[in-house]
C-alpha atoms as a PDB file:
ATOM      1  CA  UNK A   1       0.067  -0.164  -0.115  1.00  0.00           C
ATOM      2  CA  UNK A   2       1.651   3.412  -0.961  1.00  0.00           C
ATOM      3  CA  UNK A   3       1.883   5.895   1.573  1.00  0.00           C
ATOM      4  CA  UNK A   4       1.253   9.549   0.758  1.00  0.00           C
ATOM      5  CA  UNK A   5       2.374  12.087   3.778  1.00  0.00           C
ATOM      6  CA  UNK A   6       0.839  15.669   4.211  1.00  0.00           C
ATOM      7  CA  UNK A   7       3.954  17.785   5.449  1.00  0.00           C
ATOM      8  CA  UNK A   8       2.839  21.216   6.205  1.00  0.00           C
ATOM      9  CA  UNK A   9       4.437  23.591   8.502  1.00  0.00           C
ATOM     10  CA  UNK A  10       1.298  26.080   7.872  1.00  0.00           C
ATOM     11  CA  UNK A  11      -1.337  23.123   8.011  1.00  0.00           C
ATOM     12  CA  UNK A  12      -4.160  22.941   5.775  1.00  0.00           C
ATOM     13  CA  UNK A  13      -7.725  23.688   6.740  1.00  0.00           C
ATOM     14  CA  UNK A  14      -9.861  20.818   8.577  1.00  0.00           C
ATOM     15  CA  UNK A  15     -12.037  20.536   5.781  1.00  0.00           C
ATOM     16  CA  UNK A  16      -9.161  20.464   2.970  1.00  0.00           C
ATOM     17  CA  UNK A  17      -7.580  17.619   4.868  1.00  0.00           C
ATOM     18  CA  UNK A  18     -10.991  15.639   5.141  1.00  0.00           C
ATOM     19  CA  UNK A  19     -10.756  16.066   1.221  1.00  0.00           C
ATOM     20  CA  UNK A  20      -7.720  14.752   1.019  1.00  0.00           C
ATOM     21  CA  UNK A  21      -8.295  11.577   3.201  1.00  0.00           C
ATOM     22  CA  UNK A  22     -10.833  10.686   1.087  1.00  0.00           C
ATOM     23  CA  UNK A  23      -9.003  11.043  -2.617  1.00  0.00           C
ATOM     24  CA  UNK A  24      -6.267   9.205  -1.343  1.00  0.00           C
ATOM     25  CA  UNK A  25      -8.226   6.597   1.094  1.00  0.00           C
ATOM     26  CA  UNK A  26     -10.491   5.771  -1.525  1.00  0.00           C
ATOM     27  CA  UNK A  27      -7.866   4.743  -3.698  1.00  0.00           C
ATOM     28  CA  UNK A  28      -6.254   2.347  -1.322  1.00  0.00           C
ATOM     29  CA  UNK A  29      -3.618   4.579   0.224  1.00  0.00           C
ATOM     30  CA  UNK A  30      -2.440   4.971   3.305  1.00  0.00           C
ATOM     31  CA  UNK A  31      -2.621   9.134   4.351  1.00  0.00           C
ATOM     32  CA  UNK A  32      -0.204  10.009   6.876  1.00  0.00           C
ATOM     33  CA  UNK A  33      -0.005  13.923   8.253  1.00  0.00           C
ATOM     34  CA  UNK A  34       2.794  15.966   9.805  1.00  0.00           C
ATOM     35  CA  UNK A  35       1.717  19.208  10.326  1.00  0.00           C
ATOM     36  CA  UNK A  36       2.729  22.232  12.328  1.00  0.00           C
ATOM     37  CA  UNK A  37       6.585  20.897  13.019  1.00  0.00           C
ATOM     38  CA  UNK A  38       8.845  22.563  14.128  1.00  0.00           C
ATOM     39  CA  UNK A  39      12.630  21.210  12.928  1.00  0.00           C
ATOM     40  CA  UNK A  40      13.448  19.676   9.841  1.00  0.00           C
ATOM     41  CA  UNK A  41      14.463  16.155  11.728  1.00  0.00           C
ATOM     42  CA  UNK A  42      10.716  16.055  12.346  1.00  0.00           C
ATOM     43  CA  UNK A  43      10.437  16.055   8.263  1.00  0.00           C
ATOM     44  CA  UNK A  44      13.326  14.053   7.435  1.00  0.00           C
ATOM     45  CA  UNK A  45      11.748  11.369   9.815  1.00  0.00           C
ATOM     46  CA  UNK A  46       8.481  11.538   8.638  1.00  0.00           C
ATOM     47  CA  UNK A  47       9.495  11.014   4.486  1.00  0.00           C
ATOM     48  CA  UNK A  48      11.885   7.930   5.873  1.00  0.00           C
ATOM     49  CA  UNK A  49       8.948   5.023   4.461  1.00  0.00           C
ATOM     50  CA  UNK A  50       6.648   7.630   2.400  1.00  0.00           C
ATOM     51  CA  UNK A  51       5.910   7.305  -1.832  1.00  0.00           C
ATOM     52  CA  UNK A  52       4.351  10.617  -2.348  1.00  0.00           C
ATOM     53  CA  UNK A  53       4.515  14.306  -0.232  1.00  0.00           C
ATOM     54  CA  UNK A  54       1.775  17.155  -0.620  1.00  0.00           C
ATOM     55  CA  UNK A  55       3.352  20.320   0.855  1.00  0.00           C
ATOM     56  CA  UNK A  56       2.742  24.127   0.528  1.00  0.00           C
ATOM     57  CA  UNK A  57       5.421  26.427   1.264  1.00  0.00           C
ATOM     58  CA  UNK A  58       7.630  23.638   2.804  1.00  0.00           C
ATOM     59  CA  UNK A  59      12.019  23.538   1.878  1.00  0.00           C
ATOM     60  CA  UNK A  60      12.154  20.129   0.326  1.00  0.00           C
ATOM     61  CA  UNK A  61      15.753  19.989  -0.628  1.00  0.00           C
ATOM     62  CA  UNK A  62      18.319  17.099  -1.560  1.00  0.00           C
ATOM     63  CA  UNK A  63      18.582  15.943   2.215  1.00  0.00           C
ATOM     64  CA  UNK A  64      14.839  15.228   2.318  1.00  0.00           C
ATOM     65  CA  UNK A  65      15.381  13.502  -1.485  1.00  0.00           C
ATOM     66  CA  UNK A  66      18.477  11.698   0.231  1.00  0.00           C
ATOM     67  CA  UNK A  67      16.250  10.798   3.409  1.00  0.00           C
ATOM     68  CA  UNK A  68      13.301   9.226   1.424  1.00  0.00           C
ATOM     69  CA  UNK A  69      14.099   6.461   0.007  1.00  0.00           C
ATOM     70  CA  UNK A  70      10.548   5.454  -1.651  1.00  0.00           C
ATOM     71  CA  UNK A  71       9.414   8.424  -2.595  1.00  0.00           C
ATOM     72  CA  UNK A  72       8.319   8.577  -6.011  1.00  0.00           C
ATOM     73  CA  UNK A  73       6.134  12.082  -6.192  1.00  0.00           C
ATOM     74  CA  UNK A  74       6.404  15.297  -4.560  1.00  0.00           C
ATOM     75  CA  UNK A  75       3.090  17.465  -5.134  1.00  0.00           C
ATOM     76  CA  UNK A  76       3.308  21.518  -4.050  1.00  0.00           C
ATOM     77  CA  UNK A  77      -0.173  22.715  -3.816  1.00  0.00           C
ATOM     78  CA  UNK A  78      -0.354  25.814  -5.180  1.00  0.00           C
ATOM     79  CA  UNK A  79       1.399  27.491  -8.632  1.00  0.00           C
ATOM     80  CA  UNK A  80       4.932  28.207  -7.442  1.00  0.00           C
ATOM     81  CA  UNK A  81       7.614  25.439  -6.472  1.00  0.00           C
ATOM     82  CA  UNK A  82      10.819  26.879  -6.172  1.00  0.00           C
ATOM     83  CA  UNK A  83      10.512  25.855  -2.411  1.00  0.00           C
ATOM     84  CA  UNK A  84      11.441  22.253  -4.458  1.00  0.00           C
ATOM     85  CA  UNK A  85      14.972  21.580  -5.235  1.00  0.00           C
ATOM     86  CA  UNK A  86      13.926  20.072  -8.966  1.00  0.00           C
ATOM     87  CA  UNK A  87      17.404  19.386  -9.451  1.00  0.00           C
ATOM     88  CA  UNK A  88      17.975  17.157  -6.860  1.00  0.00           C
ATOM     89  CA  UNK A  89      14.597  16.037  -7.064  1.00  0.00           C
ATOM     90  CA  UNK A  90      15.379  14.545 -10.975  1.00  0.00           C
ATOM     91  CA  UNK A  91      18.647  13.387  -9.505  1.00  0.00           C
ATOM     92  CA  UNK A  92      16.508  10.941  -7.168  1.00  0.00           C
ATOM     93  CA  UNK A  93      13.981  10.071  -9.587  1.00  0.00           C
ATOM     94  CA  UNK A  94      11.130  11.864  -8.095  1.00  0.00           C
ATOM     95  CA  UNK A  95       8.082  14.115  -9.720  1.00  0.00           C
ATOM     96  CA  UNK A  96       7.564  17.224  -8.917  1.00  0.00           C
ATOM     97  CA  UNK A  97       4.447  18.682  -9.831  1.00  0.00           C
ATOM     98  CA  UNK A  98       2.643  22.078  -8.633  1.00  0.00           C
ATOM     99  CA  UNK A  99      -1.250  22.543  -8.759  1.00  0.00           C
ATOM    100  CA  UNK A 100      -1.849  25.345 -10.949  1.00  0.00           C
ATOM    101  CA  UNK A 101      -4.671  27.628 -10.808  1.00  0.00           C
ATOM    102  CA  UNK A 102      -6.286  26.342  -7.828  1.00  0.00           C
ATOM    103  CA  UNK A 103      -5.402  29.489  -5.689  1.00  0.00           C
ATOM    104  CA  UNK A 104      -5.556  31.714  -9.012  1.00  0.00           C
ATOM    105  CA  UNK A 105      -8.812  33.517  -7.810  1.00  0.00           C
ATOM    106  CA  UNK A 106      -8.031  34.245  -4.404  1.00  0.00           C
ATOM    107  CA  UNK A 107      -4.961  36.120  -5.684  1.00  0.00           C
ATOM    108  CA  UNK A 108      -6.281  38.155  -8.119  1.00  0.00           C
ATOM    109  CA  UNK A 109      -9.146  39.250  -5.702  1.00  0.00           C
ATOM    110  CA  UNK A 110      -5.890  40.012  -2.767  1.00  0.00           C
ATOM    111  CA  UNK A 111      -4.609  42.505  -5.978  1.00  0.00           C
ATOM    112  CA  UNK A 112      -7.765  44.334  -5.924  1.00  0.00           C
ATOM    113  CA  UNK A 113      -8.238  44.555  -2.140  1.00  0.00           C
ATOM    114  CA  UNK A 114      -4.191  46.054  -2.139  1.00  0.00           C
ATOM    115  CA  UNK A 115      -5.247  48.303  -4.500  1.00  0.00           C
ATOM    116  CA  UNK A 116      -7.975  49.938  -3.524  1.00  0.00           C
ATOM    117  CA  UNK A 117      -6.678  50.361   0.243  1.00  0.00           C
ATOM    118  CA  UNK A 118      -3.742  51.864  -1.993  1.00  0.00           C
ATOM    119  CA  UNK A 119      -5.707  54.077  -4.096  1.00  0.00           C
ATOM    120  CA  UNK A 120      -7.816  55.432  -0.995  1.00  0.00           C
ATOM    121  CA  UNK A 121      -4.588  56.684   0.902  1.00  0.00           C
ATOM    122  CA  UNK A 122      -3.902  53.253   2.799  1.00  0.00           C
ATOM    123  CA  UNK A 123      -7.306  54.744   4.319  1.00  0.00           C
ATOM    124  CA  UNK A 124      -5.983  57.371   6.110  1.00  0.00           C
ATOM    125  CA  UNK A 125      -8.821  59.619   5.768  1.00  0.00           C
ATOM    126  CA  UNK A 126      -7.780  62.150   3.158  1.00  0.00           C
ATOM    127  CA  UNK A 127      -9.557  62.040  -0.562  1.00  0.00           C
ATOM    128  CA  UNK A 128      -8.307  59.266  -2.562  1.00  0.00           C
ATOM    129  CA  UNK A 129      -8.721  58.089  -6.379  1.00  0.00           C
ATOM    130  CA  UNK A 130     -10.764  55.366  -8.182  1.00  0.00           C
ATOM    131  CA  UNK A 131      -9.368  52.394  -9.894  1.00  0.00           C
ATOM    132  CA  UNK A 132     -12.037  53.504 -12.723  1.00  0.00           C
ATOM    133  CA  UNK A 133     -10.466  54.525 -15.681  1.00  0.00           C
ATOM    134  CA  UNK A 134      -6.831  53.918 -15.006  1.00  0.00           C
ATOM    135  CA  UNK A 135      -4.501  51.482 -17.194  1.00  0.00           C
ATOM    136  CA  UNK A 136      -3.949  48.732 -15.613  1.00  0.00           C
ATOM    137  CA  UNK A 137      -1.053  46.323 -16.956  1.00  0.00           C
ATOM    138  CA  UNK A 138      -0.885  42.672 -16.315  1.00  0.00           C
ATOM    139  CA  UNK A 139       2.810  41.767 -16.441  1.00  0.00           C
ATOM    140  CA  UNK A 140       2.221  37.813 -17.225  1.00  0.00           C
ATOM    141  CA  UNK A 141      -0.902  36.323 -18.572  1.00  0.00           C
ATOM    142  CA  UNK A 142      -1.198  32.975 -16.912  1.00  0.00           C
ATOM    143  CA  UNK A 143      -3.892  31.836 -14.872  1.00  0.00           C
ATOM    144  CA  UNK A 144      -3.467  34.622 -12.433  1.00  0.00           C
ATOM    145  CA  UNK A 145      -3.303  37.299 -14.759  1.00  0.00           C
ATOM    146  CA  UNK A 146      -6.265  36.362 -16.241  1.00  0.00           C
ATOM    147  CA  UNK A 147      -8.214  36.513 -13.298  1.00  0.00           C
ATOM    148  CA  UNK A 148      -7.001  39.877 -12.605  1.00  0.00           C
ATOM    149  CA  UNK A 149      -8.207  40.656 -16.000  1.00  0.00           C
ATOM    150  CA  UNK A 150     -11.676  39.863 -15.320  1.00  0.00           C
ATOM    151  CA  UNK A 151     -12.168  41.323 -12.377  1.00  0.00           C
ATOM    152  CA  UNK A 152     -10.493  44.573 -13.694  1.00  0.00           C
ATOM    153  CA  UNK A 153     -13.193  44.512 -16.374  1.00  0.00           C
ATOM    154  CA  UNK A 154     -15.478  45.112 -13.248  1.00  0.00           C
ATOM    155  CA  UNK A 155     -14.112  48.014 -12.182  1.00  0.00           C
ATOM    156  CA  UNK A 156     -14.453  49.232 -15.393  1.00  0.00           C
ATOM    157  CA  UNK A 157     -10.365  49.681 -16.172  1.00  0.00           C
ATOM    158  CA  UNK A 158      -8.657  49.976 -19.282  1.00  0.00           C
ATOM    159  CA  UNK A 159      -6.721  46.409 -19.497  1.00  0.00           C
ATOM    160  CA  UNK A 160      -3.421  46.042 -21.232  1.00  0.00           C
ATOM    161  CA  UNK A 161      -1.149  42.632 -20.788  1.00  0.00           C
ATOM    162  CA  UNK A 162       2.779  41.642 -21.460  1.00  0.00           C
ATOM    163  CA  UNK A 163       3.291  37.675 -21.762  1.00  0.00           C
ATOM    164  CA  UNK A 164       6.292  36.851 -24.065  1.00  0.00           C
ATOM    165  CA  UNK A 165       4.687  32.995 -24.398  1.00  0.00           C
ATOM    166  CA  UNK A 166       1.087  34.087 -24.241  1.00  0.00           C
ATOM    167  CA  UNK A 167      -0.503  34.504 -27.917  1.00  0.00           C
ATOM    168  CA  UNK A 168      -1.989  37.872 -28.364  1.00  0.00           C
ATOM    169  CA  UNK A 169      -5.116  36.278 -30.012  1.00  0.00           C
ATOM    170  CA  UNK A 170      -5.794  35.290 -26.129  1.00  0.00           C
ATOM    171  CA  UNK A 171      -5.714  38.119 -24.352  1.00  0.00           C
ATOM    172  CA  UNK A 172      -7.613  40.253 -26.975  1.00  0.00           C
ATOM    173  CA  UNK A 173     -10.426  37.385 -26.603  1.00  0.00           C
ATOM    174  CA  UNK A 174     -10.750  38.199 -23.160  1.00  0.00           C
ATOM    175  CA  UNK A 175     -10.845  42.076 -23.792  1.00  0.00           C
ATOM    176  CA  UNK A 176      -7.014  42.472 -22.820  1.00  0.00           C
ATOM    177  CA  UNK A 177      -5.310  44.941 -24.851  1.00  0.00           C
ATOM    178  CA  UNK A 178      -1.634  42.820 -25.989  1.00  0.00           C
ATOM    179  CA  UNK A 179       1.888  44.946 -25.649  1.00  0.00           C
ATOM    180  CA  UNK A 180       4.745  44.023 -27.314  1.00  0.00           C
ATOM    181  CA  UNK A 181       7.446  44.232 -24.545  1.00  0.00           C
ATOM    182  CA  UNK A 182       7.749  45.151 -20.382  1.00  0.00           C
ATOM    183  CA  UNK A 183       9.145  48.402 -21.388  1.00  0.00           C
ATOM    184  CA  UNK A 184       5.572  49.334 -23.521  1.00  0.00           C
ATOM    185  CA  UNK A 185       3.481  47.659 -20.592  1.00  0.00           C
ATOM    186  CA  UNK A 186       5.194  49.415 -17.798  1.00  0.00           C
ATOM    187  CA  UNK A 187       5.244  53.079 -20.009  1.00  0.00           C
ATOM    188  CA  UNK A 188       1.660  52.641 -20.568  1.00  0.00           C
ATOM    189  CA  UNK A 189       0.060  52.037 -17.444  1.00  0.00           C
ATOM    190  CA  UNK A 190       0.068  53.897 -14.236  1.00  0.00           C
ATOM    191  CA  UNK A 191      -1.037  50.447 -12.229  1.00  0.00           C
ATOM    192  CA  UNK A 192       1.294  47.118 -13.001  1.00  0.00           C
ATOM    193  CA  UNK A 193       0.392  43.842 -11.522  1.00  0.00           C
ATOM    194  CA  UNK A 194       3.067  41.270 -11.565  1.00  0.00           C
ATOM    195  CA  UNK A 195       2.181  37.659 -11.849  1.00  0.00           C
ATOM    196  CA  UNK A 196       5.987  36.678 -13.389  1.00  0.00           C
ATOM    197  CA  UNK A 197       7.782  33.466 -11.443  1.00  0.00           C
ATOM    198  CA  UNK A 198      10.885  33.602 -10.086  1.00  0.00           C
ATOM    199  CA  UNK A 199      13.416  32.354 -12.946  1.00  0.00           C
ATOM    200  CA  UNK A 200      17.102  33.022 -13.599  1.00  0.00           C
ATOM    201  CA  UNK A 201      15.715  35.454 -16.467  1.00  0.00           C
ATOM    202  CA  UNK A 202      13.349  37.108 -13.945  1.00  0.00           C
ATOM    203  CA  UNK A 203      14.868  37.212 -10.338  1.00  0.00           C
ATOM    204  CA  UNK A 204      15.800  41.308  -9.840  1.00  0.00           C
ATOM    205  CA  UNK A 205      14.040  42.294 -13.734  1.00  0.00           C
ATOM    206  CA  UNK A 206      11.557  44.468 -11.698  1.00  0.00           C
ATOM    207  CA  UNK A 207      14.625  47.713 -11.543  1.00  0.00           C
ATOM    208  CA  UNK A 208      14.639  51.349 -11.236  1.00  0.00           C
ATOM    209  CA  UNK A 209      15.032  51.650 -15.271  1.00  0.00           C
ATOM    210  CA  UNK A 210      11.862  49.717 -15.653  1.00  0.00           C
ATOM    211  CA  UNK A 211       9.562  50.974 -12.833  1.00  0.00           C
ATOM    212  CA  UNK A 212      10.588  55.014 -13.904  1.00  0.00           C
ATOM    213  CA  UNK A 213       9.247  54.313 -17.137  1.00  0.00           C
ATOM    214  CA  UNK A 214       5.501  54.351 -15.304  1.00  0.00           C
ATOM    215  CA  UNK A 215       3.005  57.588 -15.410  1.00  0.00           C
ATOM    216  CA  UNK A 216       2.858  59.840 -13.046  1.00  0.00           C
ATOM    217  CA  UNK A 217       0.704  58.228 -10.027  1.00  0.00           C
ATOM    218  CA  UNK A 218       2.203  55.012 -10.660  1.00  0.00           C
ATOM    219  CA  UNK A 219       1.815  52.238  -8.402  1.00  0.00           C
ATOM    220  CA  UNK A 220       3.095  48.451  -8.176  1.00  0.00           C
ATOM    221  CA  UNK A 221       1.029  45.798  -6.508  1.00  0.00           C
ATOM    222  CA  UNK A 222       3.279  42.521  -6.508  1.00  0.00           C
ATOM    223  CA  UNK A 223       1.412  38.884  -5.655  1.00  0.00           C
ATOM    224  CA  UNK A 224       4.382  36.946  -7.137  1.00  0.00           C
ATOM    225  CA  UNK A 225       8.001  36.346  -5.840  1.00  0.00           C
ATOM    226  CA  UNK A 226       9.890  39.040  -4.041  1.00  0.00           C
ATOM    227  CA  UNK A 227      13.076  37.692  -6.333  1.00  0.00           C
ATOM    228  CA  UNK A 228      11.777  39.027  -8.590  1.00  0.00           C
ATOM    229  CA  UNK A 229      11.915  42.778  -7.332  1.00  0.00           C
ATOM    230  CA  UNK A 230      15.164  44.622  -7.584  1.00  0.00           C
ATOM    231  CA  UNK A 231      15.337  45.792  -4.241  1.00  0.00           C
ATOM    232  CA  UNK A 232      17.744  48.714  -4.588  1.00  0.00           C
ATOM    233  CA  UNK A 233      15.595  50.006  -7.605  1.00  0.00           C
ATOM    234  CA  UNK A 234      12.300  49.797  -5.235  1.00  0.00           C
ATOM    235  CA  UNK A 235      14.219  52.013  -2.782  1.00  0.00           C
ATOM    236  CA  UNK A 236      15.516  54.601  -5.306  1.00  0.00           C
ATOM    237  CA  UNK A 237      11.680  54.895  -6.747  1.00  0.00           C
ATOM    238  CA  UNK A 238      10.370  55.894  -3.432  1.00  0.00           C
ATOM    239  CA  UNK A 239      13.444  57.636  -2.505  1.00  0.00           C
ATOM    240  CA  UNK A 240      12.681  60.062  -5.986  1.00  0.00           C
ATOM    241  CA  UNK A 241       9.527  59.394  -7.181  1.00  0.00           C
ATOM    242  CA  UNK A 242       7.069  60.138  -4.314  1.00  0.00           C
ATOM    243  CA  UNK A 243       3.998  59.602  -6.315  1.00  0.00           C
ATOM    244  CA  UNK A 244       4.842  56.019  -6.757  1.00  0.00           C
ATOM    245  CA  UNK A 245       3.670  53.460  -4.229  1.00  0.00           C
ATOM    246  CA  UNK A 246       4.536  49.748  -3.499  1.00  0.00           C
ATOM    247  CA  UNK A 247       2.116  47.573  -2.421  1.00  0.00           C
ATOM    248  CA  UNK A 248       2.978  43.748  -1.892  1.00  0.00           C
ATOM    249  CA  UNK A 249       2.109  40.581  -0.532  1.00  0.00           C
ATOM    250  CA  UNK A 250       6.012  39.646  -0.379  1.00  0.00           C
ATOM    251  CA  UNK A 251       8.044  41.020   2.417  1.00  0.00           C
ATOM    252  CA  UNK A 252      11.030  42.263   1.054  1.00  0.00           C
ATOM    253  CA  UNK A 253      14.599  41.834   3.073  1.00  0.00           C
ATOM    254  CA  UNK A 254      13.913  46.090   3.757  1.00  0.00           C
ATOM    255  CA  UNK A 255      10.630  45.848   4.652  1.00  0.00           C
ATOM    256  CA  UNK A 256      10.981  47.519   7.916  1.00  0.00           C
ATOM    257  CA  UNK A 257      13.245  50.392   6.517  1.00  0.00           C
ATOM    258  CA  UNK A 258      10.954  51.019   3.540  1.00  0.00           C
ATOM    259  CA  UNK A 259       7.632  50.917   5.780  1.00  0.00           C
ATOM    260  CA  UNK A 260       9.711  53.435   8.523  1.00  0.00           C
ATOM    261  CA  UNK A 261      10.299  55.389   5.622  1.00  0.00           C
ATOM    262  CA  UNK A 262       7.642  55.776   3.427  1.00  0.00           C
ATOM    263  CA  UNK A 263       4.405  54.751   5.571  1.00  0.00           C
ATOM    264  CA  UNK A 264       2.098  56.550   3.252  1.00  0.00           C
ATOM    265  CA  UNK A 265       3.700  54.537   0.245  1.00  0.00           C
ATOM    266  CA  UNK A 266       4.426  51.393   1.026  1.00  0.00           C
ATOM    267  CA  UNK A 267       2.883  48.479   2.764  1.00  0.00           C
ATOM    268  CA  UNK A 268       3.382  44.446   2.855  1.00  0.00           C
ATOM    269  CA  UNK A 269       0.888  41.925   4.162  1.00  0.00           C
ATOM    270  CA  UNK A 270       2.298  41.107   7.554  1.00  0.00           C
ATOM    271  CA  UNK A 271       2.604  37.554   6.056  1.00  0.00           C
ATOM    272  CA  UNK A 272       2.431  35.929   2.266  1.00  0.00           C
ATOM    273  CA  UNK A 273      -2.134  35.954   1.934  1.00  0.00           C
ATOM    274  CA  UNK A 274      -2.374  35.036  -1.811  1.00  0.00           C
ATOM    275  CA  UNK A 275      -3.602  31.748  -1.377  1.00  0.00           C
ATOM    276  CA  UNK A 276      -5.096  32.044   2.243  1.00  0.00           C
ATOM    277  CA  UNK A 277      -8.463  31.926   1.442  1.00  0.00           C
ATOM    278  CA  UNK A 278     -11.008  28.655   2.685  1.00  0.00           C
ATOM    279  CA  UNK A 279     -11.222  27.845  -1.198  1.00  0.00           C
ATOM    280  CA  UNK A 280      -7.877  28.139  -2.430  1.00  0.00           C
ATOM    281  CA  UNK A 281      -7.112  26.077   0.665  1.00  0.00           C
ATOM    282  CA  UNK A 282      -9.394  23.234  -0.426  1.00  0.00           C
ATOM    283  CA  UNK A 283      -9.228  23.188  -4.312  1.00  0.00           C
ATOM    284  CA  UNK A 284      -4.656  23.539  -3.699  1.00  0.00           C
ATOM    285  CA  UNK A 285      -5.045  20.117  -1.395  1.00  0.00           C
ATOM    286  CA  UNK A 286      -7.578  17.934  -3.279  1.00  0.00           C
ATOM    287  CA  UNK A 287      -6.288  18.815  -6.320  1.00  0.00           C
ATOM    288  CA  UNK A 288      -2.987  17.756  -5.052  1.00  0.00           C
ATOM    289  CA  UNK A 289      -3.770  14.354  -3.709  1.00  0.00           C
ATOM    290  CA  UNK A 290      -5.901  13.723  -6.978  1.00  0.00           C
ATOM    291  CA  UNK A 291      -2.851  14.110  -9.000  1.00  0.00           C
ATOM    292  CA  UNK A 292      -0.564  11.775  -6.670  1.00  0.00           C
ATOM    293  CA  UNK A 293      -3.277   9.286  -6.900  1.00  0.00           C
ATOM    294  CA  UNK A 294      -3.749   9.716 -10.845  1.00  0.00           C
ATOM    295  CA  UNK A 295       0.171   9.354 -11.078  1.00  0.00           C
ATOM    296  CA  UNK A 296       0.556   6.563  -9.029  1.00  0.00           C
ATOM    297  CA  UNK A 297      -2.031   4.560 -10.457  1.00  0.00           C
ATOM    298  CA  UNK A 298      -1.835   5.869 -13.503  1.00  0.00           C
ATOM    299  CA  UNK A 299       1.198   7.598 -14.267  1.00  0.00           C
ATOM    300  CA  UNK A 300      -0.205  10.426 -15.164  1.00  0.00           C
ATOM    301  CA  UNK A 301       2.649  13.471 -15.292  1.00  0.00           C
ATOM    302  CA  UNK A 302       0.150  16.033 -16.768  1.00  0.00           C
ATOM    303  CA  UNK A 303       1.794  18.952 -14.131  1.00  0.00           C
ATOM    304  CA  UNK A 304       4.883  17.581 -13.834  1.00  0.00           C
ATOM    305  CA  UNK A 305       7.680  20.783 -13.539  1.00  0.00           C
ATOM    306  CA  UNK A 306      11.237  18.985 -13.712  1.00  0.00           C
ATOM    307  CA  UNK A 307      12.682  16.799 -16.202  1.00  0.00           C
END
């Protein structure tokens, strides 16, 4: 009987665990839980005899793969998977998957929660502005970006997007105006919402030169990854552009400094909140369980992210 481990320092909601258990046990497999663990040794002990692992933001590195002699698959319940060492997984002949799309609406709704907060002056009581009629740039038109576009229509915004890997006709079909480059997106739009992954190509790519192309009253909202932000560039923008605001769901290393210097133009959520809804929690967890069952039973690797 295959054994599937749910290893979550930050646990799934109980209803999500129930859904995971139902999916696993109905397939004839065993489910074990490691929740709220406080040391890596707990994780290393738990993985010794498991065939599959479901994680959230938990770190799965070479040491974990070395300890997990029977491991065949790891599924990260969520879109991002940079907390898993893909090269080590491949070297250990382990398949790694994510669950794309399951958290997308939750993240997209947070974008607009942050944007309304920003355009209303962080609720300081003074007169703010509205989102209606503003030009919104969506940087990467994947699952989250498409949900952002859908919601932005309800705010009656003018929507643009840049994604080197998404055909223009897909955006046009959604009523979104495609642009040819990141530079064009930033120079066109007063508001930009970031949804790019953290890759060798994108790390530190959101820099001062790019941001400084934005029109007066610029707002950057980041619900993607902190690694894509050039922190020196963000600092310089806040120093030199008093019209610029940066709102983020991922605290940068310089969070305390920025919060102290620019309390009216910089805001970071206390903890990463993008996928923190009951619905996203349930959807991602159950999707992860179903993908593991499908992989173990049928060999389906549809959502594999390592080679």
